[in-house]
Amino acid sequence: MPITRSIEEEKQAVIEWLMYPSELGCKPKAIKYTKQFKTNDGIECKIFKYKKSMFSPLLLAISSESGIFSEMQRYNPSTEIEDATVNMAWCTKLI
């Protein structure tokens, strides 16, 4: 059974992950938790939206028991779960 982290702990993990040079390469200017959902495979996921800079668009990040994922895709509140599900499926195939 996976260890459950608070939203604030998940947020901090996403920030630290985004700071890697191979990812965003810096601390995001803003980041906010938006929603939690479970994939068809039963993976618990938390969706975050973030900005690289004050003037950049909002981007999508997903934190789950499988890892943290972001393809620097624009965040769209009306399709966030669908976008996150596709992002997770695509990224987990690469691992």
Protein backbone atom coordinates (compact mmCIF):
# COMPACT_ATOMS: atom_id res chain seq x y z
CA MET A 1 0.00 0.00 0.00
CA PRO A 2 1.55 3.35 -1.02
CA ILE A 3 2.27 6.04 1.54
CA THR A 4 -0.17 8.91 1.16
CA ARG A 5 1.32 12.40 1.19
CA SER A 6 -0.54 15.60 1.89
CA ILE A 7 -1.30 17.98 -0.94
CA GLU A 8 1.39 20.33 0.39
CA GLU A 9 3.97 17.49 0.41
CA GLU A 10 2.97 16.51 -3.14
CA LYS A 11 3.23 20.15 -4.22
CA GLN A 12 6.75 20.38 -2.77
CA ALA A 13 7.74 17.15 -4.55
CA VAL A 14 6.47 18.56 -7.87
CA ILE A 15 8.42 21.80 -7.30
CA GLU A 16 11.63 19.88 -6.56
CA TRP A 17 11.11 17.67 -9.63
CA LEU A 18 10.47 20.67 -11.89
CA MET A 19 13.74 22.24 -10.71
CA TYR A 20 15.80 19.45 -12.33
CA PRO A 21 17.74 20.74 -15.37
CA SER A 22 16.12 18.06 -17.57
CA GLU A 23 12.65 19.32 -16.60
CA LEU A 24 11.66 22.99 -16.12
CA GLY A 25 15.13 23.81 -14.78
CA CYS A 26 13.90 26.26 -12.16
CA LYS A 27 11.36 26.72 -9.41
CA PRO A 28 7.97 27.50 -10.95
CA LYS A 29 6.74 31.07 -10.51
CA ALA A 30 3.38 29.75 -9.30
CA ILE A 31 1.93 26.30 -8.61
CA LYS A 32 -1.50 25.23 -7.42
CA TYR A 33 -3.24 21.93 -6.72
CA THR A 34 -6.44 21.56 -8.75
CA LYS A 35 -7.90 18.07 -8.54
CA GLN A 36 -7.40 14.43 -7.59
CA PHE A 37 -8.51 11.46 -9.68
CA LYS A 38 -7.90 7.74 -10.12
CA THR A 39 -6.82 6.22 -13.44
CA ASN A 40 -8.51 3.14 -14.94
CA ASP A 41 -5.52 1.20 -13.57
CA GLY A 42 -6.34 2.41 -10.04
CA ILE A 43 -3.45 4.89 -9.75
CA GLU A 44 -4.21 7.85 -7.48
CA CYS A 45 -3.16 11.11 -9.16
CA LYS A 46 -3.08 14.75 -8.14
CA ILE A 47 -3.18 17.47 -10.79
CA PHE A 48 -1.22 20.70 -10.41
CA LYS A 49 -1.12 23.76 -12.63
CA TYR A 50 2.05 25.85 -12.70
CA LYS A 51 3.74 28.76 -14.45
CA LYS A 52 7.38 28.96 -15.46
CA SER A 53 7.31 32.76 -15.32
CA MET A 54 4.81 35.48 -14.58
CA PHE A 55 3.86 35.81 -18.25
CA SER A 56 3.99 32.15 -19.30
CA PRO A 57 0.83 30.06 -19.76
CA LEU A 58 -0.37 27.68 -17.08
CA LEU A 59 1.08 24.19 -17.56
CA LEU A 60 -0.05 20.75 -16.37
CA ALA A 61 1.79 18.48 -13.90
CA ILE A 62 0.67 15.19 -12.39
CA SER A 63 1.90 13.63 -9.16
CA SER A 64 1.09 9.97 -8.54
CA GLU A 65 2.34 6.84 -6.86
CA SER A 66 3.97 6.08 -10.26
CA GLY A 67 5.97 9.33 -10.23
CA ILE A 68 5.71 12.95 -11.28
CA PHE A 69 4.97 13.79 -14.90
CA SER A 70 4.77 16.90 -17.06
CA GLU A 71 5.14 17.35 -20.77
CA MET A 72 4.95 21.15 -20.38
CA GLN A 73 1.44 20.91 -21.84
CA ARG A 74 -0.90 23.88 -21.42
CA TYR A 75 -3.32 23.48 -18.55
CA ASN A 76 -6.97 23.41 -19.60
CA PRO A 77 -9.46 23.20 -16.70
CA SER A 78 -12.19 21.68 -18.88
CA THR A 79 -9.98 18.75 -19.99
CA GLU A 80 -7.50 18.43 -17.12
CA ILE A 81 -8.38 14.84 -16.16
CA GLU A 82 -8.35 13.64 -19.78
CA ASP A 83 -5.08 15.48 -20.45
CA ALA A 84 -3.50 14.10 -17.27
CA THR A 85 -4.62 10.56 -18.12
CA VAL A 86 -3.09 10.76 -21.62
CA ASN A 87 0.08 12.35 -20.20
CA MET A 88 0.40 9.59 -17.58
CA ALA A 89 -0.16 6.82 -20.15
CA TRP A 90 2.38 8.30 -22.56
CA CYS A 91 5.02 8.96 -19.89
CA THR A 92 4.73 5.57 -18.18
CA LYS A 93 5.37 3.87 -21.54
CA LEU A 94 8.75 5.64 -21.66
CA ILE A 95 9.83 4.38 -18.23
